[in-house]
Amino acid sequence: MKTIQVGDKSFQIMISKDQIEDRIREMAANINQSYAGREVVLLCVLKGSILFSADIMRHLQMPLTLDFIRLSSYGSNTQSSGKIQEIMGAASRLEGKHVIVIEDIVDSGLTLEYLRKDLQEKGVASAAVVSLLYKPGNFKGLTPPDYYGFDIADAFVVGYGMDYAEHGRQYDAIYQLEASHA
């Protein structure tokens, strides 16, 4: 089994590049069907979802614009702090727009609830959340992501844009923290 070293932690492969690519195509097909004939704003949640956003965007067939927001709840830890910090807000005016939030991972759902409330307050026409990973066992929010790629157990992951203390984003697969390093 392939392992990588990120900082002082060892990670083993969880989801391969090929599995990610296949699932993104499937998700994009569902989104294309749901949003046919509508223009959307893709709202990429930085930094972790940058690769996922770029890859899924290539498969979307509706007119779209791209914007970014940066939030933090992990810092340099392997567990969410539970406190959402907005580091950078969207530059676009979102009122009356169909917004698709692109997330790397939905864990507790606290970030997701923060985003849904914020978008509602901004008066969007509709809001959906697309997440590559979803941890249903940890989810404490009201509404799970509208589209997600993979259910995963409670594991800390890196790769494909996700990091440990800002390192490990560059890998094209997803790796989970080995049990001996948790």
Foldseek 3Di string as FASTA:
>chain_A
DDWDDWPPFIWAFDFDLVLLLVLLLVLQVVVQVVQPPFEAEEEEEPDQCPLVVVSSVVNHDHHYHYWYWYWAQAQQHLDGVLDIDTPGDTPDQQAQHEYEYEEAEQFQCSVVVVVVVVSVVSHHPYYFYEYAEYAVVNYPDDDGGPHYRYHDHPFRKAECRRDRNPPRPDHSGIITTDPVRD
